[in-house]
Amino acid sequence: MNTDAVKTAEFISKISDNSQRMMEAMDDIVWSIKPSNDTMQKVLARMREFATNVLEAKDIELELKIDEIVYDAKLNMEARRDFFLIFKEAVNNAAKYSRCDKALVNIYVEKNKLMLLVKDNGIGFDVKAADSGNGLGNMQKRADALKAKIQLQSKQGEGTAVSLAVPLN
């Protein structure tokens, strides 16, 4: 610690970031298993609050569209949690990496599938060359658990779109 202040600061920053992520993850788990939060209305309200807080902090304009029929969609506890966490990762990625000034979140039902679209007008990236770090890998694992199809589309200079299609029973 006393010999390399820069490395020490980097380690402390990483510890702080990891601790923050763990606290958020615990909060998400506790929230998702609380019986009073077992409706789609509660999940959608939490999604709205999360997106507003994260994007406003970065001066990103949010357009949020939720079709009325979505409020009646039935997902079990694990599915609601995975759906929320995929959404959360996509919004976080837009806020952290896209350098966008506008983001769209669209949640709707189409052909007996719960659909999620998170799209930004940011710098985009080359999907094939991207480091499929924890975030992208976790989204794919959660989509697999939902038996859902997830797509990531991005082009340098044209923004990024994450779309998810979750089968409804």
N, C-alpha and C. Protein backbone atom coordinates (compact mmCIF):
# COMPACT_ATOMS: atom_id res chain seq x y z
N MET A 1 0.81 -1.20 0.00
CA MET A 1 0.00 0.00 0.00
C MET A 1 0.85 1.26 0.00
N ASN A 2 1.93 1.23 0.75
CA ASN A 2 2.75 2.44 0.88
C ASN A 2 3.69 2.65 -0.30
N THR A 3 3.91 1.62 -1.11
CA THR A 3 4.89 1.73 -2.19
C THR A 3 4.29 2.18 -3.52
N ASP A 4 3.01 1.88 -3.76
CA ASP A 4 2.41 2.22 -5.05
C ASP A 4 1.00 2.77 -4.83
N ALA A 5 0.93 4.07 -4.68
CA ALA A 5 -0.35 4.73 -4.38
C ALA A 5 -1.36 4.55 -5.52
N VAL A 6 -0.88 4.55 -6.76
CA VAL A 6 -1.79 4.42 -7.91
C VAL A 6 -2.46 3.05 -7.91
N LYS A 7 -1.66 1.99 -7.73
CA LYS A 7 -2.23 0.64 -7.69
C LYS A 7 -3.16 0.47 -6.51
N THR A 8 -2.78 1.04 -5.38
CA THR A 8 -3.63 0.98 -4.19
C THR A 8 -4.98 1.63 -4.48
N ALA A 9 -4.96 2.80 -5.09
CA ALA A 9 -6.20 3.50 -5.43
C ALA A 9 -7.05 2.67 -6.39
N GLU A 10 -6.41 2.01 -7.37
CA GLU A 10 -7.14 1.16 -8.31
C GLU A 10 -7.81 0.00 -7.59
N PHE A 11 -7.07 -0.66 -6.68
CA PHE A 11 -7.63 -1.78 -5.93
C PHE A 11 -8.80 -1.32 -5.05
N ILE A 12 -8.64 -0.19 -4.41
CA ILE A 12 -9.71 0.32 -3.56
C ILE A 12 -10.94 0.65 -4.40
N SER A 13 -10.72 1.21 -5.57
CA SER A 13 -11.82 1.52 -6.47
C SER A 13 -12.54 0.24 -6.91
N LYS A 14 -11.77 -0.80 -7.25
CA LYS A 14 -12.37 -2.07 -7.65
C LYS A 14 -13.15 -2.69 -6.50
N ILE A 15 -12.59 -2.64 -5.31
CA ILE A 15 -13.28 -3.18 -4.13
C ILE A 15 -14.58 -2.43 -3.91
N SER A 16 -14.52 -1.12 -4.03
CA SER A 16 -15.72 -0.30 -3.86
C SER A 16 -16.78 -0.64 -4.90
N ASP A 17 -16.37 -0.74 -6.18
CA ASP A 17 -17.31 -1.10 -7.25
C ASP A 17 -17.92 -2.47 -7.02
N ASN A 18 -17.09 -3.45 -6.68
CA ASN A 18 -17.60 -4.80 -6.43
C ASN A 18 -18.55 -4.83 -5.24
N SER A 19 -18.21 -4.11 -4.19
CA SER A 19 -19.08 -4.04 -3.01
C SER A 19 -20.43 -3.42 -3.38
N GLN A 20 -20.39 -2.36 -4.17
CA GLN A 20 -21.63 -1.70 -4.59
C GLN A 20 -22.49 -2.66 -5.40
N ARG A 21 -21.87 -3.38 -6.35
CA ARG A 21 -22.62 -4.34 -7.17
C ARG A 21 -23.21 -5.46 -6.32
N MET A 22 -22.45 -5.94 -5.34
CA MET A 22 -22.96 -6.99 -4.46
C MET A 22 -24.15 -6.49 -3.64
N MET A 23 -24.07 -5.27 -3.15
CA MET A 23 -25.18 -4.70 -2.38
C MET A 23 -26.42 -4.55 -3.27
N GLU A 24 -26.22 -4.09 -4.49
CA GLU A 24 -27.35 -3.96 -5.41
C GLU A 24 -27.95 -5.33 -5.73
N ALA A 25 -27.09 -6.33 -5.93
CA ALA A 25 -27.57 -7.68 -6.22
C ALA A 25 -28.37 -8.24 -5.05
N MET A 26 -27.88 -8.03 -3.85
CA MET A 26 -28.60 -8.50 -2.65
C MET A 26 -29.95 -7.78 -2.55
N ASP A 27 -29.95 -6.48 -2.80
CA ASP A 27 -31.20 -5.72 -2.76
C ASP A 27 -32.19 -6.26 -3.78
N ASP A 28 -31.71 -6.58 -5.00
CA ASP A 28 -32.58 -7.14 -6.04
C ASP A 28 -33.15 -8.49 -5.61
N ILE A 29 -32.32 -9.33 -5.00
CA ILE A 29 -32.77 -10.66 -4.57
C ILE A 29 -33.82 -10.52 -3.47
N VAL A 30 -33.52 -9.71 -2.47
CA VAL A 30 -34.46 -9.52 -1.36
C VAL A 30 -35.77 -8.95 -1.89
N TRP A 31 -35.68 -7.96 -2.78
CA TRP A 31 -36.89 -7.36 -3.34
C TRP A 31 -37.70 -8.41 -4.10
N SER A 32 -37.02 -9.23 -4.90
CA SER A 32 -37.74 -10.17 -5.78
C SER A 32 -38.44 -11.29 -5.01
N ILE A 33 -37.96 -11.64 -3.82
CA ILE A 33 -38.60 -12.74 -3.08
C ILE A 33 -39.64 -12.25 -2.08
N LYS A 34 -39.75 -10.94 -1.93
CA LYS A 34 -40.73 -10.37 -1.01
C LYS A 34 -42.12 -10.60 -1.60
N PRO A 35 -43.01 -11.28 -0.87
CA PRO A 35 -44.33 -11.64 -1.42
C PRO A 35 -45.13 -10.45 -1.93
N SER A 36 -44.99 -9.29 -1.33
CA SER A 36 -45.78 -8.13 -1.77
C SER A 36 -45.31 -7.60 -3.13
N ASN A 37 -44.19 -8.09 -3.63
CA ASN A 37 -43.66 -7.65 -4.92
C ASN A 37 -43.89 -8.68 -6.02
N ASP A 38 -44.91 -9.53 -5.85
CA ASP A 38 -45.07 -10.64 -6.78
C ASP A 38 -45.98 -10.34 -7.97
N THR A 39 -46.15 -9.08 -8.29
CA THR A 39 -46.96 -8.74 -9.46
C THR A 39 -46.11 -8.05 -10.52
N MET A 40 -46.57 -8.12 -11.73
CA MET A 40 -45.89 -7.44 -12.82
C MET A 40 -45.93 -5.93 -12.62
N GLN A 41 -47.01 -5.43 -12.01
CA GLN A 41 -47.11 -4.00 -11.74
C GLN A 41 -45.94 -3.53 -10.89
N LYS A 42 -45.58 -4.31 -9.87
CA LYS A 42 -44.48 -3.93 -8.97
C LYS A 42 -43.14 -3.98 -9.72
N VAL A 43 -42.96 -5.00 -10.55
CA VAL A 43 -41.72 -5.12 -11.32
C VAL A 43 -41.58 -3.94 -12.27
N LEU A 44 -42.65 -3.61 -12.96
CA LEU A 44 -42.61 -2.50 -13.91
C LEU A 44 -42.37 -1.17 -13.21
N ALA A 45 -42.95 -0.99 -12.04
CA ALA A 45 -42.69 0.24 -11.27
C ALA A 45 -41.22 0.32 -10.87
N ARG A 46 -40.66 -0.80 -10.46
CA ARG A 46 -39.23 -0.82 -10.09
C ARG A 46 -38.35 -0.55 -11.32
N MET A 47 -38.74 -1.10 -12.46
CA MET A 47 -37.99 -0.87 -13.69
C MET A 47 -38.02 0.61 -14.07
N ARG A 48 -39.19 1.22 -13.98
CA ARG A 48 -39.35 2.64 -14.30
C ARG A 48 -38.46 3.48 -13.39
N GLU A 49 -38.49 3.19 -12.09
CA GLU A 49 -37.70 3.94 -11.12
C GLU A 49 -36.20 3.77 -11.39
N PHE A 50 -35.78 2.53 -11.66
CA PHE A 50 -34.37 2.26 -11.92
C PHE A 50 -33.88 3.02 -13.16
N ALA A 51 -34.60 2.89 -14.26
CA ALA A 51 -34.19 3.53 -15.52
C ALA A 51 -34.14 5.04 -15.36
N THR A 52 -35.14 5.60 -14.72
CA THR A 52 -35.19 7.05 -14.52
C THR A 52 -33.98 7.50 -13.72
N ASN A 53 -33.69 6.83 -12.61
CA ASN A 53 -32.57 7.23 -11.76
C ASN A 53 -31.23 7.11 -12.48
N VAL A 54 -30.99 5.99 -13.14
CA VAL A 54 -29.70 5.75 -13.79
C VAL A 54 -29.48 6.68 -14.97
N LEU A 55 -30.50 6.85 -15.79
CA LEU A 55 -30.33 7.65 -17.00
C LEU A 55 -30.34 9.15 -16.72
N GLU A 56 -31.19 9.60 -15.80
CA GLU A 56 -31.19 11.02 -15.46
C GLU A 56 -29.85 11.47 -14.90
N ALA A 57 -29.21 10.59 -14.12
CA ALA A 57 -27.91 10.93 -13.54
C ALA A 57 -26.86 11.20 -14.61
N LYS A 58 -27.07 10.65 -15.82
CA LYS A 58 -26.14 10.85 -16.94
C LYS A 58 -26.70 11.81 -17.99
N ASP A 59 -27.76 12.52 -17.65
CA ASP A 59 -28.42 13.45 -18.58
C ASP A 59 -28.86 12.77 -19.87
N ILE A 60 -29.41 11.57 -19.72
CA ILE A 60 -29.92 10.81 -20.87
C ILE A 60 -31.45 10.86 -20.81
N GLU A 61 -32.04 11.32 -21.91
CA GLU A 61 -33.50 11.39 -22.00
C GLU A 61 -34.07 9.98 -22.16
N LEU A 62 -35.03 9.65 -21.32
CA LEU A 62 -35.66 8.33 -21.36
C LEU A 62 -37.04 8.40 -21.98
N GLU A 63 -37.27 7.54 -22.96
CA GLU A 63 -38.62 7.33 -23.48
C GLU A 63 -39.02 5.92 -23.04
N LEU A 64 -40.03 5.84 -22.20
CA LEU A 64 -40.47 4.56 -21.65
C LEU A 64 -41.88 4.26 -22.14
N LYS A 65 -42.02 3.14 -22.83
CA LYS A 65 -43.32 2.72 -23.34
C LYS A 65 -43.63 1.35 -22.74
N ILE A 66 -44.78 1.25 -22.09
CA ILE A 66 -45.23 -0.03 -21.54
C ILE A 66 -46.68 -0.22 -21.96
N ASP A 67 -46.94 -1.26 -22.75
CA ASP A 67 -48.31 -1.55 -23.17
C ASP A 67 -49.12 -2.01 -21.97
N GLU A 68 -50.38 -1.63 -21.94
CA GLU A 68 -51.27 -1.98 -20.82
C GLU A 68 -51.33 -3.48 -20.56
N ILE A 69 -51.33 -4.27 -21.62
CA ILE A 69 -51.46 -5.72 -21.48
C ILE A 69 -50.30 -6.34 -20.69
N VAL A 70 -49.16 -5.66 -20.68
CA VAL A 70 -47.99 -6.16 -19.96
C VAL A 70 -48.28 -6.30 -18.47
N TYR A 71 -49.11 -5.40 -17.93
CA TYR A 71 -49.41 -5.42 -16.50
C TYR A 71 -50.10 -6.72 -16.08
N ASP A 72 -50.72 -7.41 -17.04
CA ASP A 72 -51.41 -8.67 -16.74
C ASP A 72 -50.56 -9.90 -17.06
N ALA A 73 -49.34 -9.70 -17.55
CA ALA A 73 -48.47 -10.83 -17.90
C ALA A 73 -48.13 -11.62 -16.64
N LYS A 74 -48.06 -12.92 -16.78
CA LYS A 74 -47.77 -13.80 -15.64
C LYS A 74 -46.38 -14.41 -15.81
N LEU A 75 -45.49 -14.07 -14.87
CA LEU A 75 -44.17 -14.68 -14.79
C LEU A 75 -43.96 -15.13 -13.36
N ASN A 76 -43.30 -16.27 -13.18
CA ASN A 76 -43.01 -16.70 -11.81
C ASN A 76 -41.91 -15.82 -11.22
N MET A 77 -41.63 -16.03 -9.94
CA MET A 77 -40.68 -15.17 -9.22
C MET A 77 -39.31 -15.14 -9.89
N GLU A 78 -38.78 -16.31 -10.24
CA GLU A 78 -37.45 -16.36 -10.87
C GLU A 78 -37.46 -15.67 -12.23
N ALA A 79 -38.52 -15.87 -12.98
CA ALA A 79 -38.62 -15.25 -14.31
C ALA A 79 -38.72 -13.73 -14.20
N ARG A 80 -39.50 -13.25 -13.24
CA ARG A 80 -39.59 -11.79 -13.04
C ARG A 80 -38.23 -11.21 -12.68
N ARG A 81 -37.49 -11.94 -11.81
CA ARG A 81 -36.17 -11.47 -11.40
C ARG A 81 -35.22 -11.44 -12.59
N ASP A 82 -35.20 -12.52 -13.38
CA ASP A 82 -34.31 -12.57 -14.54
C ASP A 82 -34.67 -11.50 -15.57
N PHE A 83 -35.95 -11.30 -15.80
CA PHE A 83 -36.42 -10.27 -16.73
C PHE A 83 -35.92 -8.90 -16.26
N PHE A 84 -36.11 -8.61 -14.97
CA PHE A 84 -35.67 -7.33 -14.41
C PHE A 84 -34.15 -7.17 -14.53
N LEU A 85 -33.40 -8.23 -14.23
CA LEU A 85 -31.94 -8.12 -14.24
C LEU A 85 -31.37 -7.96 -15.65
N ILE A 86 -32.00 -8.56 -16.65
CA ILE A 86 -31.59 -8.34 -18.04
C ILE A 86 -31.84 -6.88 -18.40
N PHE A 87 -33.02 -6.39 -18.06
CA PHE A 87 -33.36 -4.98 -18.29
C PHE A 87 -32.33 -4.08 -17.60
N LYS A 88 -32.03 -4.37 -16.36
CA LYS A 88 -31.12 -3.54 -15.57
C LYS A 88 -29.73 -3.50 -16.21
N GLU A 89 -29.24 -4.65 -16.66
CA GLU A 89 -27.93 -4.70 -17.31
C GLU A 89 -27.92 -3.89 -18.60
N ALA A 90 -28.98 -4.01 -19.39
CA ALA A 90 -29.06 -3.27 -20.66
C ALA A 90 -29.09 -1.76 -20.41
N VAL A 91 -29.85 -1.32 -19.42
CA VAL A 91 -29.92 0.11 -19.10
C VAL A 91 -28.58 0.60 -18.55
N ASN A 92 -27.99 -0.19 -17.66
CA ASN A 92 -26.67 0.17 -17.12
C ASN A 92 -25.64 0.31 -18.24
N ASN A 93 -25.64 -0.63 -19.18
CA ASN A 93 -24.68 -0.57 -20.29
C ASN A 93 -24.89 0.69 -21.12
N ALA A 94 -26.14 1.04 -21.38
CA ALA A 94 -26.42 2.26 -22.14
C ALA A 94 -25.90 3.48 -21.39
N ALA A 95 -26.13 3.51 -20.10
CA ALA A 95 -25.70 4.67 -19.30
C ALA A 95 -24.18 4.76 -19.19
N LYS A 96 -23.52 3.61 -19.04
CA LYS A 96 -22.07 3.61 -18.79
C LYS A 96 -21.24 3.75 -20.06
N TYR A 97 -21.64 3.09 -21.13
CA TYR A 97 -20.73 2.93 -22.26
C TYR A 97 -21.17 3.61 -23.55
N SER A 98 -22.46 3.89 -23.72
CA SER A 98 -22.95 4.29 -25.05
C SER A 98 -22.67 5.75 -25.42
N ARG A 99 -22.50 6.58 -24.42
CA ARG A 99 -22.37 8.03 -24.64
C ARG A 99 -23.58 8.58 -25.40
N CYS A 100 -24.74 8.01 -25.12
CA CYS A 100 -25.97 8.44 -25.78
C CYS A 100 -26.58 9.64 -25.05
N ASP A 101 -27.53 10.29 -25.72
CA ASP A 101 -28.31 11.32 -25.03
C ASP A 101 -29.79 10.95 -25.00
N LYS A 102 -30.14 9.83 -25.66
CA LYS A 102 -31.52 9.34 -25.64
C LYS A 102 -31.52 7.83 -25.53
N ALA A 103 -32.48 7.32 -24.75
CA ALA A 103 -32.66 5.88 -24.62
C ALA A 103 -34.16 5.57 -24.66
N LEU A 104 -34.48 4.47 -25.32
CA LEU A 104 -35.85 4.00 -25.41
C LEU A 104 -35.94 2.67 -24.68
N VAL A 105 -36.95 2.53 -23.84
CA VAL A 105 -37.29 1.24 -23.25
C VAL A 105 -38.72 0.97 -23.65
N ASN A 106 -38.95 -0.14 -24.34
CA ASN A 106 -40.27 -0.52 -24.80
C ASN A 106 -40.57 -1.92 -24.30
N ILE A 107 -41.69 -2.06 -23.58
CA ILE A 107 -42.10 -3.36 -23.04
C ILE A 107 -43.52 -3.61 -23.55
N TYR A 108 -43.69 -4.74 -24.22
CA TYR A 108 -44.98 -5.02 -24.83
C TYR A 108 -45.14 -6.53 -24.98
N VAL A 109 -46.34 -6.96 -25.37
CA VAL A 109 -46.61 -8.38 -25.62
C VAL A 109 -46.91 -8.54 -27.10
N GLU A 110 -46.27 -9.56 -27.70
CA GLU A 110 -46.46 -9.85 -29.12
C GLU A 110 -46.42 -11.36 -29.32
N LYS A 111 -47.47 -11.90 -29.92
CA LYS A 111 -47.53 -13.34 -30.21
C LYS A 111 -47.19 -14.18 -28.99
N ASN A 112 -47.85 -13.90 -27.88
CA ASN A 112 -47.69 -14.63 -26.62
C ASN A 112 -46.25 -14.60 -26.09
N LYS A 113 -45.56 -13.51 -26.37
CA LYS A 113 -44.21 -13.31 -25.84
C LYS A 113 -44.15 -11.94 -25.19
N LEU A 114 -43.50 -11.89 -24.03
CA LEU A 114 -43.22 -10.62 -23.37
C LEU A 114 -41.96 -10.07 -24.01
N MET A 115 -42.05 -8.89 -24.58
CA MET A 115 -40.97 -8.31 -25.35
C MET A 115 -40.36 -7.13 -24.59
N LEU A 116 -39.04 -7.05 -24.64
CA LEU A 116 -38.31 -5.94 -24.05
C LEU A 116 -37.34 -5.41 -25.10
N LEU A 117 -37.34 -4.10 -25.27
CA LEU A 117 -36.38 -3.45 -26.15
C LEU A 117 -35.74 -2.31 -25.38
N VAL A 118 -34.42 -2.32 -25.30
CA VAL A 118 -33.66 -1.21 -24.72
C VAL A 118 -32.73 -0.73 -25.83
N LYS A 119 -32.95 0.50 -26.27
CA LYS A 119 -32.24 1.02 -27.44
C LYS A 119 -31.69 2.41 -27.11
N ASP A 120 -30.45 2.66 -27.57
CA ASP A 120 -29.87 3.99 -27.35
C ASP A 120 -29.37 4.55 -28.68
N ASN A 121 -29.10 5.85 -28.68
CA ASN A 121 -28.60 6.52 -29.89
C ASN A 121 -27.11 6.85 -29.72
N GLY A 122 -26.41 6.01 -29.01
CA GLY A 122 -25.01 6.28 -28.69
C GLY A 122 -24.02 5.89 -29.77
N ILE A 123 -22.78 5.68 -29.33
CA ILE A 123 -21.67 5.46 -30.26
C ILE A 123 -21.66 4.07 -30.86
N GLY A 124 -22.36 3.13 -30.25
CA GLY A 124 -22.38 1.77 -30.75
C GLY A 124 -21.02 1.10 -30.64
N PHE A 125 -20.95 -0.14 -31.07
CA PHE A 125 -19.69 -0.88 -31.04
C PHE A 125 -19.78 -2.07 -31.97
N ASP A 126 -18.64 -2.66 -32.25
CA ASP A 126 -18.57 -3.85 -33.10
C ASP A 126 -18.88 -5.05 -32.22
N VAL A 127 -20.05 -5.65 -32.40
CA VAL A 127 -20.50 -6.76 -31.55
C VAL A 127 -19.53 -7.94 -31.63
N LYS A 128 -19.03 -8.23 -32.83
CA LYS A 128 -18.12 -9.39 -32.99
C LYS A 128 -16.80 -9.19 -32.25
N ALA A 129 -16.34 -7.95 -32.16
CA ALA A 129 -15.07 -7.67 -31.51
C ALA A 129 -15.22 -7.36 -30.03
N ALA A 130 -16.47 -7.33 -29.55
CA ALA A 130 -16.72 -6.93 -28.16
C ALA A 130 -16.24 -7.98 -27.18
N ASP A 131 -15.77 -7.49 -26.06
CA ASP A 131 -15.43 -8.36 -24.94
C ASP A 131 -16.76 -8.79 -24.32
N SER A 132 -17.08 -10.06 -24.42
CA SER A 132 -18.35 -10.52 -23.83
C SER A 132 -18.12 -10.72 -22.34
N GLY A 133 -17.97 -9.62 -21.64
CA GLY A 133 -17.70 -9.64 -20.21
C GLY A 133 -18.87 -10.18 -19.43
N ASN A 134 -18.79 -10.00 -18.15
CA ASN A 134 -19.82 -10.54 -17.25
C ASN A 134 -21.22 -10.10 -17.62
N GLY A 135 -21.38 -8.83 -17.96
CA GLY A 135 -22.71 -8.31 -18.24
C GLY A 135 -23.41 -9.00 -19.39
N LEU A 136 -22.75 -9.07 -20.53
CA LEU A 136 -23.35 -9.72 -21.70
C LEU A 136 -23.55 -11.21 -21.46
N GLY A 137 -22.57 -11.85 -20.84
CA GLY A 137 -22.69 -13.27 -20.53
C GLY A 137 -23.83 -13.55 -19.56
N ASN A 138 -23.98 -12.69 -18.56
CA ASN A 138 -25.07 -12.86 -17.59
C ASN A 138 -26.43 -12.68 -18.24
N MET A 139 -26.53 -11.72 -19.16
CA MET A 139 -27.80 -11.53 -19.86
C MET A 139 -28.16 -12.78 -20.65
N GLN A 140 -27.17 -13.39 -21.31
CA GLN A 140 -27.44 -14.60 -22.09
C GLN A 140 -27.86 -15.75 -21.18
N LYS A 141 -27.18 -15.92 -20.05
CA LYS A 141 -27.55 -16.99 -19.10
C LYS A 141 -28.96 -16.80 -18.57
N ARG A 142 -29.31 -15.57 -18.26
CA ARG A 142 -30.66 -15.29 -17.75
C ARG A 142 -31.70 -15.52 -18.85
N ALA A 143 -31.38 -15.13 -20.08
CA ALA A 143 -32.30 -15.38 -21.19
C ALA A 143 -32.49 -16.89 -21.38
N ASP A 144 -31.40 -17.65 -21.28
CA ASP A 144 -31.51 -19.11 -21.39
C ASP A 144 -32.43 -19.67 -20.31
N ALA A 145 -32.28 -19.17 -19.08
CA ALA A 145 -33.12 -19.63 -17.97
C ALA A 145 -34.59 -19.30 -18.22
N LEU A 146 -34.85 -18.21 -18.93
CA LEU A 146 -36.22 -17.81 -19.27
C LEU A 146 -36.75 -18.53 -20.51
N LYS A 147 -35.89 -19.34 -21.15
CA LYS A 147 -36.20 -19.94 -22.45
C LYS A 147 -36.56 -18.83 -23.46
N ALA A 148 -35.84 -17.72 -23.33
CA ALA A 148 -36.10 -16.53 -24.13
C ALA A 148 -35.02 -16.36 -25.19
N LYS A 149 -35.33 -15.54 -26.16
CA LYS A 149 -34.36 -15.19 -27.19
C LYS A 149 -33.91 -13.76 -26.93
N ILE A 150 -32.59 -13.58 -26.86
CA ILE A 150 -32.03 -12.24 -26.66
C ILE A 150 -31.16 -11.91 -27.86
N GLN A 151 -31.27 -10.67 -28.31
CA GLN A 151 -30.46 -10.21 -29.44
C GLN A 151 -29.81 -8.89 -29.08
N LEU A 152 -28.56 -8.77 -29.48
CA LEU A 152 -27.81 -7.54 -29.29
C LEU A 152 -27.43 -7.05 -30.67
N GLN A 153 -27.88 -5.85 -31.01
CA GLN A 153 -27.54 -5.26 -32.30
C GLN A 153 -26.87 -3.92 -32.04
N SER A 154 -25.74 -3.71 -32.70
CA SER A 154 -25.04 -2.45 -32.54
C SER A 154 -24.18 -2.21 -33.76
N LYS A 155 -24.03 -0.94 -34.07
CA LYS A 155 -23.15 -0.51 -35.15
C LYS A 155 -22.43 0.72 -34.67
N GLN A 156 -21.14 0.77 -34.94
CA GLN A 156 -20.38 1.94 -34.52
C GLN A 156 -21.01 3.20 -35.12
N GLY A 157 -21.27 4.17 -34.25
CA GLY A 157 -21.87 5.43 -34.67
C GLY A 157 -23.37 5.41 -34.76
N GLU A 158 -24.01 4.26 -34.54
CA GLU A 158 -25.46 4.17 -34.72
C GLU A 158 -26.22 3.65 -33.51
N GLY A 159 -25.55 3.49 -32.38
CA GLY A 159 -26.25 3.06 -31.17
C GLY A 159 -26.34 1.55 -31.03
N THR A 160 -27.04 1.16 -29.98
CA THR A 160 -27.15 -0.24 -29.61
C THR A 160 -28.60 -0.55 -29.24
N ALA A 161 -29.02 -1.77 -29.55
CA ALA A 161 -30.36 -2.24 -29.16
C ALA A 161 -30.24 -3.65 -28.59
N VAL A 162 -30.86 -3.82 -27.44
CA VAL A 162 -30.97 -5.14 -26.82
C VAL A 162 -32.45 -5.51 -26.86
N SER A 163 -32.75 -6.65 -27.46
CA SER A 163 -34.14 -7.09 -27.49
C SER A 163 -34.25 -8.47 -26.88
N LEU A 164 -35.34 -8.66 -26.16
CA LEU A 164 -35.59 -9.90 -25.44
C LEU A 164 -37.02 -10.34 -25.73
N ALA A 165 -37.20 -11.62 -26.01
CA ALA A 165 -38.53 -12.19 -26.25
C ALA A 165 -38.73 -13.36 -25.29
N VAL A 166 -39.59 -13.19 -24.30
CA VAL A 166 -39.83 -14.19 -23.27
C VAL A 166 -41.16 -14.88 -23.53
N PRO A 167 -41.15 -16.19 -23.72
CA PRO A 167 -42.42 -16.90 -23.94
C PRO A 167 -43.32 -16.79 -22.71
N LEU A 168 -44.59 -16.50 -22.94
CA LEU A 168 -45.58 -16.49 -21.87
C LEU A 168 -46.37 -17.78 -21.94
N ASN A 169 -46.65 -18.36 -20.80
CA ASN A 169 -47.39 -19.66 -20.79
C ASN A 169 -48.87 -19.44 -20.89
